[in-house]
C-alpha atoms as a PDB file:
ATOM      1  CA  UNK A   1     143.192  15.280 156.073  1.00  0.00           C
ATOM      2  CA  UNK A   2     144.986  15.965 159.335  1.00  0.00           C
ATOM      3  CA  UNK A   3     148.460  17.426 159.395  1.00  0.00           C
ATOM      4  CA  UNK A   4     150.940  15.662 161.656  1.00  0.00           C
ATOM      5  CA  UNK A   5     152.941  17.873 163.999  1.00  0.00           C
ATOM      6  CA  UNK A   6     156.620  16.953 164.010  1.00  0.00           C
ATOM      7  CA  UNK A   7     159.292  17.832 166.534  1.00  0.00           C
ATOM      8  CA  UNK A   8     163.026  18.205 166.133  1.00  0.00           C
ATOM      9  CA  UNK A   9     163.348  14.836 167.840  1.00  0.00           C
ATOM     10  CA  UNK A  10     161.254  13.290 165.038  1.00  0.00           C
ATOM     11  CA  UNK A  11     163.537  14.917 162.483  1.00  0.00           C
ATOM     12  CA  UNK A  12     166.656  13.467 164.078  1.00  0.00           C
ATOM     13  CA  UNK A  13     165.036  10.077 164.521  1.00  0.00           C
ATOM     14  CA  UNK A  14     164.084   9.816 160.846  1.00  0.00           C
ATOM     15  CA  UNK A  15     167.606  10.845 159.835  1.00  0.00           C
ATOM     16  CA  UNK A  16     169.171   8.084 161.947  1.00  0.00           C
ATOM     17  CA  UNK A  17     166.616   5.548 160.730  1.00  0.00           C
ATOM     18  CA  UNK A  18     167.456   6.548 157.131  1.00  0.00           C
ATOM     19  CA  UNK A  19     163.872   7.343 156.166  1.00  0.00           C
ATOM     20  CA  UNK A  20     164.281  10.131 153.622  1.00  0.00           C
ATOM     21  CA  UNK A  21     160.573  10.610 152.913  1.00  0.00           C
ATOM     22  CA  UNK A  22     159.712  10.887 156.603  1.00  0.00           C
ATOM     23  CA  UNK A  23     162.708  13.195 157.114  1.00  0.00           C
ATOM     24  CA  UNK A  24     161.523  15.451 154.300  1.00  0.00           C
ATOM     25  CA  UNK A  25     157.998  15.600 155.725  1.00  0.00           C
ATOM     26  CA  UNK A  26     159.269  16.375 159.226  1.00  0.00           C
ATOM     27  CA  UNK A  27     161.724  18.984 157.968  1.00  0.00           C
ATOM     28  CA  UNK A  28     159.119  20.681 155.774  1.00  0.00           C
ATOM     29  CA  UNK A  29     156.624  20.827 158.601  1.00  0.00           C
ATOM     30  CA  UNK A  30     159.143  22.249 161.059  1.00  0.00           C
ATOM     31  CA  UNK A  31     160.602  24.805 158.681  1.00  0.00           C
ATOM     32  CA  UNK A  32     157.202  26.052 157.510  1.00  0.00           C
ATOM     33  CA  UNK A  33     156.068  26.587 161.096  1.00  0.00           C
ATOM     34  CA  UNK A  34     159.255  28.432 162.031  1.00  0.00           C
ATOM     35  CA  UNK A  35     159.271  30.578 158.902  1.00  0.00           C
ATOM     36  CA  UNK A  36     155.629  31.528 159.408  1.00  0.00           C
ATOM     37  CA  UNK A  37     156.364  32.557 162.989  1.00  0.00           C
ATOM     38  CA  UNK A  38     159.437  34.550 161.919  1.00  0.00           C
ATOM     39  CA  UNK A  39     157.535  36.344 159.154  1.00  0.00           C
ATOM     40  CA  UNK A  40     154.704  37.227 161.525  1.00  0.00           C
ATOM     41  CA  UNK A  41     157.184  38.610 164.062  1.00  0.00           C
ATOM     42  CA  UNK A  42     158.924  40.675 161.373  1.00  0.00           C
ATOM     43  CA  UNK A  43     155.593  42.051 160.117  1.00  0.00           C
ATOM     44  CA  UNK A  44     154.784  43.232 163.632  1.00  0.00           C
ATOM     45  CA  UNK A  45     158.213  44.865 163.996  1.00  0.00           C
ATOM     46  CA  UNK A  46     157.845  46.697 160.680  1.00  0.00           C
ATOM     47  CA  UNK A  47     154.326  47.850 161.515  1.00  0.00           C
ATOM     48  CA  UNK A  48     155.485  49.203 164.867  1.00  0.00           C
ATOM     49  CA  UNK A  49     158.392  50.982 163.216  1.00  0.00           C
ATOM     50  CA  UNK A  50     156.123  52.565 160.608  1.00  0.00           C
ATOM     51  CA  UNK A  51     153.161  53.502 162.761  1.00  0.00           C
ATOM     52  CA  UNK A  52     154.482  53.334 166.317  1.00  0.00           C
ATOM     53  CA  UNK A  53     155.300  57.020 166.762  1.00  0.00           C
ATOM     54  CA  UNK A  54     152.620  59.088 165.038  1.00  0.00           C
ATOM     55  CA  UNK A  55     153.567  62.321 166.816  1.00  0.00           C
ATOM     56  CA  UNK A  56     157.071  62.527 165.400  1.00  0.00           C
ATOM     57  CA  UNK A  57     155.865  61.897 161.862  1.00  0.00           C
ATOM     58  CA  UNK A  58     153.264  64.662 162.229  1.00  0.00           C
ATOM     59  CA  UNK A  59     155.973  67.040 163.475  1.00  0.00           C
ATOM     60  CA  UNK A  60     158.132  66.171 160.479  1.00  0.00           C
ATOM     61  CA  UNK A  61     155.350  66.901 158.010  1.00  0.00           C
ATOM     62  CA  UNK A  62     154.625  70.302 159.592  1.00  0.00           C
ATOM     63  CA  UNK A  63     158.343  71.198 159.507  1.00  0.00           C
ATOM     64  CA  UNK A  64     158.466  70.226 155.857  1.00  0.00           C
ATOM     65  CA  UNK A  65     155.444  72.414 155.080  1.00  0.00           C
ATOM     66  CA  UNK A  66     157.040  75.407 156.847  1.00  0.00           C
ATOM     67  CA  UNK A  67     160.257  74.965 154.872  1.00  0.00           C
ATOM     68  CA  UNK A  68     158.345  74.757 151.581  1.00  0.00           C
ATOM     69  CA  UNK A  69     156.418  77.962 152.342  1.00  0.00           C
ATOM     70  CA  UNK A  70     159.680  79.770 153.220  1.00  0.00           C
ATOM     71  CA  UNK A  71     161.230  78.708 149.899  1.00  0.00           C
ATOM     72  CA  UNK A  72     158.124  79.815 147.997  1.00  0.00           C
ATOM     73  CA  UNK A  73     158.191  83.202 149.764  1.00  0.00           C
ATOM     74  CA  UNK A  74     161.862  83.688 148.909  1.00  0.00           C
ATOM     75  CA  UNK A  75     161.204  82.796 145.264  1.00  0.00           C
ATOM     76  CA  UNK A  76     158.312  85.255 145.069  1.00  0.00           C
ATOM     77  CA  UNK A  77     160.471  88.005 146.565  1.00  0.00           C
ATOM     78  CA  UNK A  78     163.212  87.327 144.013  1.00  0.00           C
ATOM     79  CA  UNK A  79     160.706  87.460 141.163  1.00  0.00           C
ATOM     80  CA  UNK A  80     159.207  90.715 142.442  1.00  0.00           C
ATOM     81  CA  UNK A  81     162.671  92.228 142.723  1.00  0.00           C
ATOM     82  CA  UNK A  82     163.523  91.378 139.116  1.00  0.00           C
ATOM     83  CA  UNK A  83     160.316  92.878 137.737  1.00  0.00           C
ATOM     84  CA  UNK A  84     160.570  96.176 139.643  1.00  0.00           C
END
């Protein structure tokens, strides 16, 4: 079964000719194609935003690790001070 490719001109033509079934088919075909293209574009944008700059995310994780080790060191010093 082959799928017919509709254009916006076909959509307008079926509306003026008052052919609701043909209008629905044309509209569905056009909207599905446009939505699929928009979703694909958005997926690419999100992927680039998430994985586009690996260096900055690596720098962030190393900064976070340094901060955690500083907090742990301070906590250990406080505990040692209380015991002594």
